[in-house]
Amino acid sequence: MVDYRKKDFWDVFTDIDLVFDTMGGDVQTNSFKVLKENGRLISIVSAPDENLAKEKGILAKSIWLQPNGEQLSKLGEYLATSKLRSVIGATFPLNREGIYKAHELSETHHAVGKIVIQGE
């Protein structure tokens, strides 16, 4: 884990096989720096720079999921078999203050992991 306020992730990590980009922009561009040759960058935000990918010898693609039962079933299967894991970064209570705090954290765009609102 890297504290983004103190260090840039591209100065810490090298030779990464896969980056799953959920931020886009500069985060996506700098993700190319950490991937090893023949690495993969998959984005759910925006199409990666094809020229940069070719220059670095990286497979870079974007994916878009349509809300349908088949895809949701497949994602459920991945979760059940631990092929896909969700990292919970912060949990807040289901009340006015909790909702406000969760929203404030979300608006920073620097939350690590998922923000969970938990009922009592």
PDB file of N, CA and C in Angstrom:
ATOM      1  N   MET A   1       0.844  -1.163   0.000  1.00  0.00           N
ATOM      2  CA  MET A   1       0.000   0.000   0.000  1.00  0.00           C
ATOM      3  C   MET A   1       0.899   1.238   0.000  1.00  0.00           C
ATOM      4  N   VAL A   2       0.476   2.246  -0.743  1.00  0.00           N
ATOM      5  CA  VAL A   2       1.246   3.484  -0.859  1.00  0.00           C
ATOM      6  C   VAL A   2       0.376   4.652  -0.417  1.00  0.00           C
ATOM      7  N   ASP A   3       0.916   5.496   0.438  1.00  0.00           N
ATOM      8  CA  ASP A   3       0.220   6.718   0.829  1.00  0.00           C
ATOM      9  C   ASP A   3       0.445   7.727  -0.290  1.00  0.00           C
ATOM     10  N   TYR A   4      -0.576   7.955  -1.117  1.00  0.00           N
ATOM     11  CA  TYR A   4      -0.457   8.815  -2.292  1.00  0.00           C
ATOM     12  C   TYR A   4      -0.075  10.247  -1.936  1.00  0.00           C
ATOM     13  N   ARG A   5      -0.257  10.644  -0.676  1.00  0.00           N
ATOM     14  CA  ARG A   5       0.094  12.008  -0.272  1.00  0.00           C
ATOM     15  C   ARG A   5       1.593  12.150  -0.046  1.00  0.00           C
ATOM     16  N   LYS A   6       2.285  11.014   0.137  1.00  0.00           N
ATOM     17  CA  LYS A   6       3.719  11.057   0.431  1.00  0.00           C
ATOM     18  C   LYS A   6       4.585  10.531  -0.704  1.00  0.00           C
ATOM     19  N   LYS A   7       4.059   9.584  -1.478  1.00  0.00           N
ATOM     20  CA  LYS A   7       4.849   8.969  -2.542  1.00  0.00           C
ATOM     21  C   LYS A   7       3.979   8.743  -3.766  1.00  0.00           C
ATOM     22  N   ASP A   8       4.625   8.778  -4.918  1.00  0.00           N
ATOM     23  CA  ASP A   8       3.947   8.441  -6.165  1.00  0.00           C
ATOM     24  C   ASP A   8       4.077   6.937  -6.385  1.00  0.00           C
ATOM     25  N   PHE A   9       2.969   6.279  -6.725  1.00  0.00           N
ATOM     26  CA  PHE A   9       3.002   4.819  -6.866  1.00  0.00           C
ATOM     27  C   PHE A   9       3.995   4.369  -7.927  1.00  0.00           C
ATOM     28  N   TRP A  10       4.221   5.174  -8.961  1.00  0.00           N
ATOM     29  CA  TRP A  10       5.134   4.787 -10.033  1.00  0.00           C
ATOM     30  C   TRP A  10       6.598   4.869  -9.592  1.00  0.00           C
ATOM     31  N   ASP A  11       6.869   5.499  -8.463  1.00  0.00           N
ATOM     32  CA  ASP A  11       8.220   5.503  -7.906  1.00  0.00           C
ATOM     33  C   ASP A  11       8.437   4.324  -6.962  1.00  0.00           C
ATOM     34  N   VAL A  12       7.370   3.626  -6.608  1.00  0.00           N
ATOM     35  CA  VAL A  12       7.449   2.526  -5.652  1.00  0.00           C
ATOM     36  C   VAL A  12       7.378   1.167  -6.349  1.00  0.00           C
ATOM     37  N   PHE A  13       6.473   1.026  -7.310  1.00  0.00           N
ATOM     38  CA  PHE A  13       6.231  -0.265  -7.943  1.00  0.00           C
ATOM     39  C   PHE A  13       6.914  -0.369  -9.303  1.00  0.00           C
ATOM     40  N   THR A  14       7.374  -1.588  -9.620  1.00  0.00           N
ATOM     41  CA  THR A  14       7.936  -1.887 -10.940  1.00  0.00           C
ATOM     42  C   THR A  14       7.559  -3.315 -11.312  1.00  0.00           C
ATOM     43  N   ASP A  15       7.661  -3.609 -12.583  1.00  0.00           N
ATOM     44  CA  ASP A  15       7.440  -4.966 -13.100  1.00  0.00           C
ATOM     45  C   ASP A  15       6.103  -5.569 -12.680  1.00  0.00           C
ATOM     46  N   ILE A  16       5.058  -4.778 -12.764  1.00  0.00           N
ATOM     47  CA  ILE A  16       3.710  -5.233 -12.435  1.00  0.00           C
ATOM     48  C   ILE A  16       3.108  -5.916 -13.666  1.00  0.00           C
ATOM     49  N   ASP A  17       2.421  -7.039 -13.451  1.00  0.00           N
ATOM     50  CA  ASP A  17       1.799  -7.780 -14.551  1.00  0.00           C
ATOM     51  C   ASP A  17       0.523  -7.115 -15.059  1.00  0.00           C
ATOM     52  N   LEU A  18      -0.309  -6.621 -14.136  1.00  0.00           N
ATOM     53  CA  LEU A  18      -1.624  -6.117 -14.515  1.00  0.00           C
ATOM     54  C   LEU A  18      -2.002  -4.908 -13.678  1.00  0.00           C
ATOM     55  N   VAL A  19      -2.511  -3.882 -14.350  1.00  0.00           N
ATOM     56  CA  VAL A  19      -3.108  -2.733 -13.669  1.00  0.00           C
ATOM     57  C   VAL A  19      -4.572  -2.692 -14.072  1.00  0.00           C
ATOM     58  N   PHE A  20      -5.450  -2.646 -13.082  1.00  0.00           N
ATOM     59  CA  PHE A  20      -6.882  -2.489 -13.315  1.00  0.00           C
ATOM     60  C   PHE A  20      -7.213  -1.051 -12.959  1.00  0.00           C
ATOM     61  N   ASP A  21      -7.375  -0.215 -13.976  1.00  0.00           N
ATOM     62  CA  ASP A  21      -7.543   1.229 -13.809  1.00  0.00           C
ATOM     63  C   ASP A  21      -8.994   1.602 -13.561  1.00  0.00           C
ATOM     64  N   THR A  22      -9.233   2.237 -12.410  1.00  0.00           N
ATOM     65  CA  THR A  22     -10.577   2.723 -12.082  1.00  0.00           C
ATOM     66  C   THR A  22     -10.608   4.237 -11.932  1.00  0.00           C
ATOM     67  N   MET A  23      -9.504   4.899 -12.257  1.00  0.00           N
ATOM     68  CA  MET A  23      -9.404   6.349 -12.066  1.00  0.00           C
ATOM     69  C   MET A  23      -9.284   7.122 -13.382  1.00  0.00           C
ATOM     70  N   GLY A  24      -8.512   6.594 -14.331  1.00  0.00           N
ATOM     71  CA  GLY A  24      -8.277   7.310 -15.579  1.00  0.00           C
ATOM     72  C   GLY A  24      -7.312   8.466 -15.388  1.00  0.00           C
ATOM     73  N   GLY A  25      -7.246   9.339 -16.391  1.00  0.00           N
ATOM     74  CA  GLY A  25      -6.418  10.537 -16.309  1.00  0.00           C
ATOM     75  C   GLY A  25      -4.955  10.248 -16.042  1.00  0.00           C
ATOM     76  N   ASP A  26      -4.355  11.045 -15.155  1.00  0.00           N
ATOM     77  CA  ASP A  26      -2.936  10.902 -14.834  1.00  0.00           C
ATOM     78  C   ASP A  26      -2.623   9.560 -14.189  1.00  0.00           C
ATOM     79  N   VAL A  27      -3.558   9.024 -13.414  1.00  0.00           N
ATOM     80  CA  VAL A  27      -3.332   7.718 -12.788  1.00  0.00           C
ATOM     81  C   VAL A  27      -3.152   6.663 -13.876  1.00  0.00           C
ATOM     82  N   GLN A  28      -3.998   6.707 -14.887  1.00  0.00           N
ATOM     83  CA  GLN A  28      -3.874   5.744 -15.979  1.00  0.00           C
ATOM     84  C   GLN A  28      -2.556   5.933 -16.722  1.00  0.00           C
ATOM     85  N   THR A  29      -2.229   7.171 -17.060  1.00  0.00           N
ATOM     86  CA  THR A  29      -0.989   7.454 -17.790  1.00  0.00           C
ATOM     87  C   THR A  29       0.227   6.978 -16.999  1.00  0.00           C
ATOM     88  N   ASN A  30       0.264   7.260 -15.716  1.00  0.00           N
ATOM     89  CA  ASN A  30       1.402   6.852 -14.887  1.00  0.00           C
ATOM     90  C   ASN A  30       1.425   5.358 -14.619  1.00  0.00           C
ATOM     91  N   SER A  31       0.305   4.683 -14.804  1.00  0.00           N
ATOM     92  CA  SER A  31       0.270   3.233 -14.628  1.00  0.00           C
ATOM     93  C   SER A  31       1.144   2.522 -15.651  1.00  0.00           C
ATOM     94  N   PHE A  32       1.324   3.117 -16.815  1.00  0.00           N
ATOM     95  CA  PHE A  32       2.203   2.523 -17.822  1.00  0.00           C
ATOM     96  C   PHE A  32       3.628   2.391 -17.291  1.00  0.00           C
ATOM     97  N   LYS A  33       4.029   3.277 -16.399  1.00  0.00           N
ATOM     98  CA  LYS A  33       5.395   3.283 -15.865  1.00  0.00           C
ATOM     99  C   LYS A  33       5.687   2.074 -14.984  1.00  0.00           C
ATOM    100  N   VAL A  34       4.674   1.481 -14.381  1.00  0.00           N
ATOM    101  CA  VAL A  34       4.905   0.377 -13.442  1.00  0.00           C
ATOM    102  C   VAL A  34       4.771  -0.991 -14.096  1.00  0.00           C
ATOM    103  N   LEU A  35       4.212  -1.042 -15.287  1.00  0.00           N
ATOM    104  CA  LEU A  35       3.983  -2.326 -15.947  1.00  0.00           C
ATOM    105  C   LEU A  35       5.252  -2.864 -16.596  1.00  0.00           C
ATOM    106  N   LYS A  36       5.416  -4.170 -16.498  1.00  0.00           N
ATOM    107  CA  LYS A  36       6.545  -4.780 -17.181  1.00  0.00           C
ATOM    108  C   LYS A  36       6.184  -5.003 -18.650  1.00  0.00           C
ATOM    109  N   GLU A  37       7.180  -5.277 -19.460  1.00  0.00           N
ATOM    110  CA  GLU A  37       6.930  -5.546 -20.871  1.00  0.00           C
ATOM    111  C   GLU A  37       5.975  -6.729 -20.974  1.00  0.00           C
ATOM    112  N   ASN A  38       5.032  -6.640 -21.884  1.00  0.00           N
ATOM    113  CA  ASN A  38       3.956  -7.618 -22.061  1.00  0.00           C
ATOM    114  C   ASN A  38       2.942  -7.582 -20.916  1.00  0.00           C
ATOM    115  N   GLY A  39       2.996  -6.535 -20.093  1.00  0.00           N
ATOM    116  CA  GLY A  39       2.007  -6.362 -19.035  1.00  0.00           C
ATOM    117  C   GLY A  39       0.672  -5.943 -19.626  1.00  0.00           C
ATOM    118  N   ARG A  40      -0.321  -5.812 -18.769  1.00  0.00           N
ATOM    119  CA  ARG A  40      -1.665  -5.464 -19.226  1.00  0.00           C
ATOM    120  C   ARG A  40      -2.239  -4.331 -18.388  1.00  0.00           C
ATOM    121  N   LEU A  41      -2.900  -3.413 -19.081  1.00  0.00           N
ATOM    122  CA  LEU A  41      -3.620  -2.330 -18.426  1.00  0.00           C
ATOM    123  C   LEU A  41      -5.063  -2.411 -18.890  1.00  0.00           C
ATOM    124  N   ILE A  42      -5.962  -2.628 -17.954  1.00  0.00           N
ATOM    125  CA  ILE A  42      -7.386  -2.710 -18.255  1.00  0.00           C
ATOM    126  C   ILE A  42      -8.070  -1.547 -17.546  1.00  0.00           C
ATOM    127  N   SER A  43      -8.832  -0.764 -18.294  1.00  0.00           N
ATOM    128  CA  SER A  43      -9.498   0.403 -17.721  1.00  0.00           C
ATOM    129  C   SER A  43     -11.008   0.282 -17.840  1.00  0.00           C
ATOM    130  N   ILE A  44     -11.696   0.678 -16.767  1.00  0.00           N
ATOM    131  CA  ILE A  44     -13.152   0.759 -16.817  1.00  0.00           C
ATOM    132  C   ILE A  44     -13.599   2.217 -16.900  1.00  0.00           C
ATOM    133  N   VAL A  45     -12.615   3.120 -17.088  1.00  0.00           N
ATOM    134  CA  VAL A  45     -12.908   4.549 -17.102  1.00  0.00           C
ATOM    135  C   VAL A  45     -12.811   5.140 -18.499  1.00  0.00           C
ATOM    136  N   SER A  46     -11.682   4.893 -19.149  1.00  0.00           N
ATOM    137  CA  SER A  46     -11.464   5.471 -20.475  1.00  0.00           C
ATOM    138  C   SER A  46     -10.494   4.597 -21.255  1.00  0.00           C
ATOM    139  N   ALA A  47     -10.529   4.743 -22.558  1.00  0.00           N
ATOM    140  CA  ALA A  47      -9.639   3.960 -23.408  1.00  0.00           C
ATOM    141  C   ALA A  47      -8.196   4.400 -23.180  1.00  0.00           C
ATOM    142  N   PRO A  48      -7.292   3.453 -22.901  1.00  0.00           N
ATOM    143  CA  PRO A  48      -5.885   3.797 -22.711  1.00  0.00           C
ATOM    144  C   PRO A  48      -5.248   4.283 -24.015  1.00  0.00           C
ATOM    145  N   ASP A  49      -4.157   4.996 -23.885  1.00  0.00           N
ATOM    146  CA  ASP A  49      -3.407   5.529 -25.019  1.00  0.00           C
ATOM    147  C   ASP A  49      -2.770   4.370 -25.793  1.00  0.00           C
ATOM    148  N   GLU A  50      -3.290   4.088 -26.985  1.00  0.00           N
ATOM    149  CA  GLU A  50      -2.801   2.959 -27.786  1.00  0.00           C
ATOM    150  C   GLU A  50      -1.351   3.143 -28.211  1.00  0.00           C
ATOM    151  N   ASN A  51      -0.959   4.372 -28.530  1.00  0.00           N
ATOM    152  CA  ASN A  51       0.425   4.618 -28.946  1.00  0.00           C
ATOM    153  C   ASN A  51       1.401   4.364 -27.803  1.00  0.00           C
ATOM    154  N   LEU A  52       1.062   4.819 -26.612  1.00  0.00           N
ATOM    155  CA  LEU A  52       1.917   4.593 -25.449  1.00  0.00           C
ATOM    156  C   LEU A  52       1.994   3.103 -25.131  1.00  0.00           C
ATOM    157  N   ALA A  53       0.882   2.413 -25.250  1.00  0.00           N
ATOM    158  CA  ALA A  53       0.860   0.968 -25.001  1.00  0.00           C
ATOM    159  C   ALA A  53       1.773   0.246 -25.983  1.00  0.00           C
ATOM    160  N   LYS A  54       1.690   0.611 -27.243  1.00  0.00           N
ATOM    161  CA  LYS A  54       2.525  -0.022 -28.267  1.00  0.00           C
ATOM    162  C   LYS A  54       3.997   0.274 -28.013  1.00  0.00           C
ATOM    163  N   GLU A  55       4.295   1.520 -27.681  1.00  0.00           N
ATOM    164  CA  GLU A  55       5.669   1.941 -27.405  1.00  0.00           C
ATOM    165  C   GLU A  55       6.270   1.159 -26.237  1.00  0.00           C
ATOM    166  N   LYS A  56       5.468   0.859 -25.229  1.00  0.00           N
ATOM    167  CA  LYS A  56       5.947   0.167 -24.027  1.00  0.00           C
ATOM    168  C   LYS A  56       5.781  -1.351 -24.111  1.00  0.00           C
ATOM    169  N   GLY A  57       5.193  -1.863 -25.192  1.00  0.00           N
ATOM    170  CA  GLY A  57       4.977  -3.299 -25.323  1.00  0.00           C
ATOM    171  C   GLY A  57       3.950  -3.833 -24.338  1.00  0.00           C
ATOM    172  N   ILE A  58       2.873  -3.086 -24.170  1.00  0.00           N
ATOM    173  CA  ILE A  58       1.837  -3.416 -23.190  1.00  0.00           C
ATOM    174  C   ILE A  58       0.498  -3.591 -23.902  1.00  0.00           C
ATOM    175  N   LEU A  59      -0.286  -4.568 -23.465  1.00  0.00           N
ATOM    176  CA  LEU A  59      -1.646  -4.718 -23.959  1.00  0.00           C
ATOM    177  C   LEU A  59      -2.536  -3.826 -23.104  1.00  0.00           C
ATOM    178  N   ALA A  60      -3.190  -2.865 -23.723  1.00  0.00           N
ATOM    179  CA  ALA A  60      -4.036  -1.923 -22.987  1.00  0.00           C
ATOM    180  C   ALA A  60      -5.419  -1.900 -23.620  1.00  0.00           C
ATOM    181  N   LYS A  61      -6.427  -2.130 -22.802  1.00  0.00           N
ATOM    182  CA  LYS A  61      -7.806  -2.186 -23.284  1.00  0.00           C
ATOM    183  C   LYS A  61      -8.733  -1.504 -22.290  1.00  0.00           C
ATOM    184  N   SER A  62      -9.886  -1.123 -22.792  1.00  0.00           N
ATOM    185  CA  SER A  62     -10.937  -0.635 -21.899  1.00  0.00           C
ATOM    186  C   SER A  62     -12.106  -1.607 -21.989  1.00  0.00           C
ATOM    187  N   ILE A  63     -12.819  -1.741 -20.888  1.00  0.00           N
ATOM    188  CA  ILE A  63     -13.989  -2.613 -20.876  1.00  0.00           C
ATOM    189  C   ILE A  63     -15.169  -1.840 -20.313  1.00  0.00           C
ATOM    190  N   TRP A  64     -16.329  -2.170 -20.803  1.00  0.00           N
ATOM    191  CA  TRP A  64     -17.564  -1.546 -20.341  1.00  0.00           C
ATOM    192  C   TRP A  64     -18.556  -2.655 -20.082  1.00  0.00           C
ATOM    193  N   LEU A  65     -19.083  -2.703 -18.896  1.00  0.00           N
ATOM    194  CA  LEU A  65     -20.078  -3.715 -18.565  1.00  0.00           C
ATOM    195  C   LEU A  65     -21.474  -3.137 -18.711  1.00  0.00           C
ATOM    196  N   GLN A  66     -22.322  -3.866 -19.374  1.00  0.00           N
ATOM    197  CA  GLN A  66     -23.728  -3.502 -19.469  1.00  0.00           C
ATOM    198  C   GLN A  66     -24.461  -4.232 -18.349  1.00  0.00           C
ATOM    199  N   PRO A  67     -25.385  -3.581 -17.698  1.00  0.00           N
ATOM    200  CA  PRO A  67     -26.090  -4.255 -16.601  1.00  0.00           C
ATOM    201  C   PRO A  67     -27.032  -5.335 -17.127  1.00  0.00           C
ATOM    202  N   ASN A  68     -26.554  -6.570 -17.113  1.00  0.00           N
ATOM    203  CA  ASN A  68     -27.427  -7.675 -17.496  1.00  0.00           C
ATOM    204  C   ASN A  68     -27.155  -8.879 -16.599  1.00  0.00           C
ATOM    205  N   GLY A  69     -28.107  -9.755 -16.532  1.00  0.00           N
ATOM    206  CA  GLY A  69     -28.043 -10.892 -15.625  1.00  0.00           C
ATOM    207  C   GLY A  69     -26.851 -11.795 -15.842  1.00  0.00           C
ATOM    208  N   GLU A  70     -26.505 -12.055 -17.091  1.00  0.00           N
ATOM    209  CA  GLU A  70     -25.392 -12.960 -17.384  1.00  0.00           C
ATOM    210  C   GLU A  70     -24.078 -12.412 -16.828  1.00  0.00           C
ATOM    211  N   GLN A  71     -23.829 -11.118 -17.064  1.00  0.00           N
ATOM    212  CA  GLN A  71     -22.598 -10.515 -16.558  1.00  0.00           C
ATOM    213  C   GLN A  71     -22.593 -10.467 -15.034  1.00  0.00           C
ATOM    214  N   LEU A  72     -23.720 -10.108 -14.437  1.00  0.00           N
ATOM    215  CA  LEU A  72     -23.789 -10.056 -12.980  1.00  0.00           C
ATOM    216  C   LEU A  72     -23.599 -11.444 -12.376  1.00  0.00           C
ATOM    217  N   SER A  73     -24.126 -12.459 -13.026  1.00  0.00           N
ATOM    218  CA  SER A  73     -23.949 -13.829 -12.565  1.00  0.00           C
ATOM    219  C   SER A  73     -22.470 -14.222 -12.609  1.00  0.00           C
ATOM    220  N   LYS A  74     -21.795 -13.856 -13.695  1.00  0.00           N
ATOM    221  CA  LYS A  74     -20.371 -14.162 -13.843  1.00  0.00           C
ATOM    222  C   LYS A  74     -19.556 -13.440 -12.769  1.00  0.00           C
ATOM    223  N   LEU A  75     -19.875 -12.175 -12.517  1.00  0.00           N
ATOM    224  CA  LEU A  75     -19.181 -11.435 -11.461  1.00  0.00           C
ATOM    225  C   LEU A  75     -19.427 -12.084 -10.100  1.00  0.00           C
ATOM    226  N   GLY A  76     -20.661 -12.532  -9.860  1.00  0.00           N
ATOM    227  CA  GLY A  76     -20.982 -13.225  -8.618  1.00  0.00           C
ATOM    228  C   GLY A  76     -20.163 -14.497  -8.454  1.00  0.00           C
ATOM    229  N   GLU A  77     -19.996 -15.225  -9.549  1.00  0.00           N
ATOM    230  CA  GLU A  77     -19.184 -16.443  -9.535  1.00  0.00           C
ATOM    231  C   GLU A  77     -17.733 -16.111  -9.194  1.00  0.00           C
ATOM    232  N   TYR A  78     -17.203 -15.052  -9.792  1.00  0.00           N
ATOM    233  CA  TYR A  78     -15.825 -14.634  -9.507  1.00  0.00           C
ATOM    234  C   TYR A  78     -15.660 -14.256  -8.041  1.00  0.00           C
ATOM    235  N   LEU A  79     -16.642 -13.557  -7.487  1.00  0.00           N
ATOM    236  CA  LEU A  79     -16.582 -13.183  -6.070  1.00  0.00           C
ATOM    237  C   LEU A  79     -16.631 -14.423  -5.179  1.00  0.00           C
ATOM    238  N   ALA A  80     -17.514 -15.356  -5.513  1.00  0.00           N
ATOM    239  CA  ALA A  80     -17.684 -16.567  -4.704  1.00  0.00           C
ATOM    240  C   ALA A  80     -16.435 -17.442  -4.712  1.00  0.00           C
ATOM    241  N   THR A  81     -15.694 -17.443  -5.813  1.00  0.00           N
ATOM    242  CA  THR A  81     -14.496 -18.282  -5.928  1.00  0.00           C
ATOM    243  C   THR A  81     -13.214 -17.501  -5.665  1.00  0.00           C
ATOM    244  N   SER A  82     -13.345 -16.276  -5.184  1.00  0.00           N
ATOM    245  CA  SER A  82     -12.204 -15.401  -4.851  1.00  0.00           C
ATOM    246  C   SER A  82     -11.318 -15.064  -6.043  1.00  0.00           C
ATOM    247  N   LYS A  83     -11.856 -15.182  -7.250  1.00  0.00           N
ATOM    248  CA  LYS A  83     -11.121 -14.719  -8.428  1.00  0.00           C
ATOM    249  C   LYS A  83     -11.178 -13.197  -8.521  1.00  0.00           C
ATOM    250  N   LEU A  84     -12.147 -12.634  -7.831  1.00  0.00           N
ATOM    251  CA  LEU A  84     -12.313 -11.187  -7.763  1.00  0.00           C
ATOM    252  C   LEU A  84     -12.591 -10.849  -6.310  1.00  0.00           C
ATOM    253  N   ARG A  85     -11.811  -9.919  -5.783  1.00  0.00           N
ATOM    254  CA  ARG A  85     -11.995  -9.523  -4.391  1.00  0.00           C
ATOM    255  C   ARG A  85     -12.239  -8.029  -4.327  1.00  0.00           C
ATOM    256  N   SER A  86     -13.044  -7.643  -3.398  1.00  0.00           N
ATOM    257  CA  SER A  86     -13.311  -6.231  -3.170  1.00  0.00           C
ATOM    258  C   SER A  86     -12.610  -5.808  -1.889  1.00  0.00           C
ATOM    259  N   VAL A  87     -11.864  -4.725  -1.962  1.00  0.00           N
ATOM    260  CA  VAL A  87     -11.157  -4.207  -0.798  1.00  0.00           C
ATOM    261  C   VAL A  87     -12.020  -3.128  -0.151  1.00  0.00           C
ATOM    262  N   ILE A  88     -12.334  -3.309   1.113  1.00  0.00           N
ATOM    263  CA  ILE A  88     -13.122  -2.313   1.844  1.00  0.00           C
ATOM    264  C   ILE A  88     -12.154  -1.357   2.523  1.00  0.00           C
ATOM    265  N   GLY A  89     -12.236  -0.090   2.137  1.00  0.00           N
ATOM    266  CA  GLY A  89     -11.333   0.913   2.677  1.00  0.00           C
ATOM    267  C   GLY A  89     -11.889   1.647   3.877  1.00  0.00           C
ATOM    268  N   ALA A  90     -13.198   1.847   3.914  1.00  0.00           N
ATOM    269  CA  ALA A  90     -13.821   2.586   5.015  1.00  0.00           C
ATOM    270  C   ALA A  90     -15.271   2.141   5.157  1.00  0.00           C
ATOM    271  N   THR A  91     -15.727   2.081   6.393  1.00  0.00           N
ATOM    272  CA  THR A  91     -17.110   1.712   6.691  1.00  0.00           C
ATOM    273  C   THR A  91     -17.738   2.814   7.540  1.00  0.00           C
ATOM    274  N   PHE A  92     -18.958   3.198   7.160  1.00  0.00           N
ATOM    275  CA  PHE A  92     -19.673   4.252   7.874  1.00  0.00           C
ATOM    276  C   PHE A  92     -21.059   3.748   8.254  1.00  0.00           C
ATOM    277  N   PRO A  93     -21.612   4.267   9.361  1.00  0.00           N
ATOM    278  CA  PRO A  93     -22.957   3.852   9.768  1.00  0.00           C
ATOM    279  C   PRO A  93     -24.032   4.458   8.860  1.00  0.00           C
ATOM    280  N   LEU A  94     -25.151   3.762   8.774  1.00  0.00           N
ATOM    281  CA  LEU A  94     -26.278   4.224   7.964  1.00  0.00           C
ATOM    282  C   LEU A  94     -27.085   5.241   8.776  1.00  0.00           C
ATOM    283  N   ASN A  95     -26.529   6.443   8.845  1.00  0.00           N
ATOM    284  CA  ASN A  95     -27.219   7.565   9.473  1.00  0.00           C
ATOM    285  C   ASN A  95     -26.746   8.845   8.778  1.00  0.00           C
ATOM    286  N   ARG A  96     -27.320   9.965   9.140  1.00  0.00           N
ATOM    287  CA  ARG A  96     -27.012  11.222   8.451  1.00  0.00           C
ATOM    288  C   ARG A  96     -25.512  11.531   8.480  1.00  0.00           C
ATOM    289  N   GLU A  97     -24.900  11.457   9.653  1.00  0.00           N
ATOM    290  CA  GLU A  97     -23.476  11.773   9.777  1.00  0.00           C
ATOM    291  C   GLU A  97     -22.621  10.800   8.965  1.00  0.00           C
ATOM    292  N   GLY A  98     -22.962   9.507   9.033  1.00  0.00           N
ATOM    293  CA  GLY A  98     -22.219   8.506   8.275  1.00  0.00           C
ATOM    294  C   GLY A  98     -22.284   8.748   6.779  1.00  0.00           C
ATOM    295  N   ILE A  99     -23.475   9.083   6.281  1.00  0.00           N
ATOM    296  CA  ILE A  99     -23.648   9.364   4.852  1.00  0.00           C
ATOM    297  C   ILE A  99     -22.822  10.579   4.450  1.00  0.00           C
ATOM    298  N   TYR A 100     -22.863  11.630   5.257  1.00  0.00           N
ATOM    299  CA  TYR A 100     -22.072  12.832   4.951  1.00  0.00           C
ATOM    300  C   TYR A 100     -20.580  12.514   4.900  1.00  0.00           C
ATOM    301  N   LYS A 101     -20.101  11.764   5.899  1.00  0.00           N
ATOM    302  CA  LYS A 101     -18.673  11.436   5.944  1.00  0.00           C
ATOM    303  C   LYS A 101     -18.266  10.552   4.766  1.00  0.00           C
ATOM    304  N   ALA A 102     -19.102   9.589   4.422  1.00  0.00           N
ATOM    305  CA  ALA A 102     -18.809   8.719   3.283  1.00  0.00           C
ATOM    306  C   ALA A 102     -18.757   9.529   1.993  1.00  0.00           C
ATOM    307  N   HIS A 103     -19.699  10.444   1.840  1.00  0.00           N
ATOM    308  CA  HIS A 103     -19.720  11.282   0.638  1.00  0.00           C
ATOM    309  C   HIS A 103     -18.485  12.182   0.580  1.00  0.00           C
ATOM    310  N   GLU A 104     -18.101  12.762   1.705  1.00  0.00           N
ATOM    311  CA  GLU A 104     -16.897  13.599   1.738  1.00  0.00           C
ATOM    312  C   GLU A 104     -15.671  12.801   1.314  1.00  0.00           C
ATOM    313  N   LEU A 105     -15.540  11.583   1.825  1.00  0.00           N
ATOM    314  CA  LEU A 105     -14.408  10.740   1.446  1.00  0.00           C
ATOM    315  C   LEU A 105     -14.446  10.428  -0.040  1.00  0.00           C
ATOM    316  N   SER A 106     -15.617  10.091  -0.552  1.00  0.00           N
ATOM    317  CA  SER A 106     -15.765   9.790  -1.974  1.00  0.00           C
ATOM    318  C   SER A 106     -15.359  10.977  -2.836  1.00  0.00           C
ATOM    319  N   GLU A 107     -15.740  12.172  -2.432  1.00  0.00           N
ATOM    320  CA  GLU A 107     -15.439  13.382  -3.201  1.00  0.00           C
ATOM    321  C   GLU A 107     -13.950  13.701  -3.263  1.00  0.00           C
ATOM    322  N   THR A 108     -13.141  13.146  -2.357  1.00  0.00           N
ATOM    323  CA  THR A 108     -11.695  13.391  -2.414  1.00  0.00           C
ATOM    324  C   THR A 108     -11.054  12.651  -3.579  1.00  0.00           C
ATOM    325  N   HIS A 109     -11.728  11.627  -4.102  1.00  0.00           N
ATOM    326  CA  HIS A 109     -11.205  10.769  -5.174  1.00  0.00           C
ATOM    327  C   HIS A 109      -9.905  10.073  -4.762  1.00  0.00           C
ATOM    328  N   HIS A 110      -9.672   9.948  -3.465  1.00  0.00           N
ATOM    329  CA  HIS A 110      -8.464   9.291  -2.978  1.00  0.00           C
ATOM    330  C   HIS A 110      -8.780   8.192  -1.970  1.00  0.00           C
ATOM    331  N   ALA A 111      -9.997   7.731  -1.964  1.00  0.00           N
ATOM    332  CA  ALA A 111     -10.356   6.635  -1.065  1.00  0.00           C
ATOM    333  C   ALA A 111      -9.660   5.368  -1.543  1.00  0.00           C
ATOM    334  N   VAL A 112      -9.054   4.648  -0.630  1.00  0.00           N
ATOM    335  CA  VAL A 112      -8.414   3.380  -0.959  1.00  0.00           C
ATOM    336  C   VAL A 112      -9.418   2.284  -0.629  1.00  0.00           C
ATOM    337  N   GLY A 113      -9.857   1.554  -1.620  1.00  0.00           N
ATOM    338  CA  GLY A 113     -10.859   0.520  -1.410  1.00  0.00           C
ATOM    339  C   GLY A 113     -12.270   1.089  -1.493  1.00  0.00           C
ATOM    340  N   LYS A 114     -13.217   0.220  -1.273  1.00  0.00           N
ATOM    341  CA  LYS A 114     -14.629   0.597  -1.361  1.00  0.00           C
ATOM    342  C   LYS A 114     -15.092   1.306  -0.096  1.00  0.00           C
ATOM    343  N   ILE A 115     -16.030   2.210  -0.272  1.00  0.00           N
ATOM    344  CA  ILE A 115     -16.655   2.903   0.843  1.00  0.00           C
ATOM    345  C   ILE A 115     -17.981   2.198   1.110  1.00  0.00           C
ATOM    346  N   VAL A 116     -18.149   1.699   2.328  1.00  0.00           N
ATOM    347  CA  VAL A 116     -19.328   0.911   2.674  1.00  0.00           C
ATOM    348  C   VAL A 116     -20.186   1.675   3.679  1.00  0.00           C
ATOM    349  N   ILE A 117     -21.491   1.729   3.400  1.00  0.00           N
ATOM    350  CA  ILE A 117     -22.471   2.252   4.344  1.00  0.00           C
ATOM    351  C   ILE A 117     -23.139   1.026   4.955  1.00  0.00           C
ATOM    352  N   GLN A 118     -23.012   0.863   6.257  1.00  0.00           N
ATOM    353  CA  GLN A 118     -23.491  -0.356   6.902  1.00  0.00           C
ATOM    354  C   GLN A 118     -24.692  -0.075   7.791  1.00  0.00           C
ATOM    355  N   GLY A 119     -25.767  -0.833   7.552  1.00  0.00           N
ATOM    356  CA  GLY A 119     -26.952  -0.739   8.392  1.00  0.00           C
ATOM    357  C   GLY A 119     -26.679  -1.334   9.759  1.00  0.00           C
ATOM    358  N   GLU A 120     -27.451  -0.914  10.726  1.00  0.00           N
ATOM    359  CA  GLU A 120     -27.205  -1.364  12.099  1.00  0.00           C
ATOM    360  C   GLU A 120     -27.951  -2.619  12.428  1.00  0.00           C
TER     361      GLU A 120
END
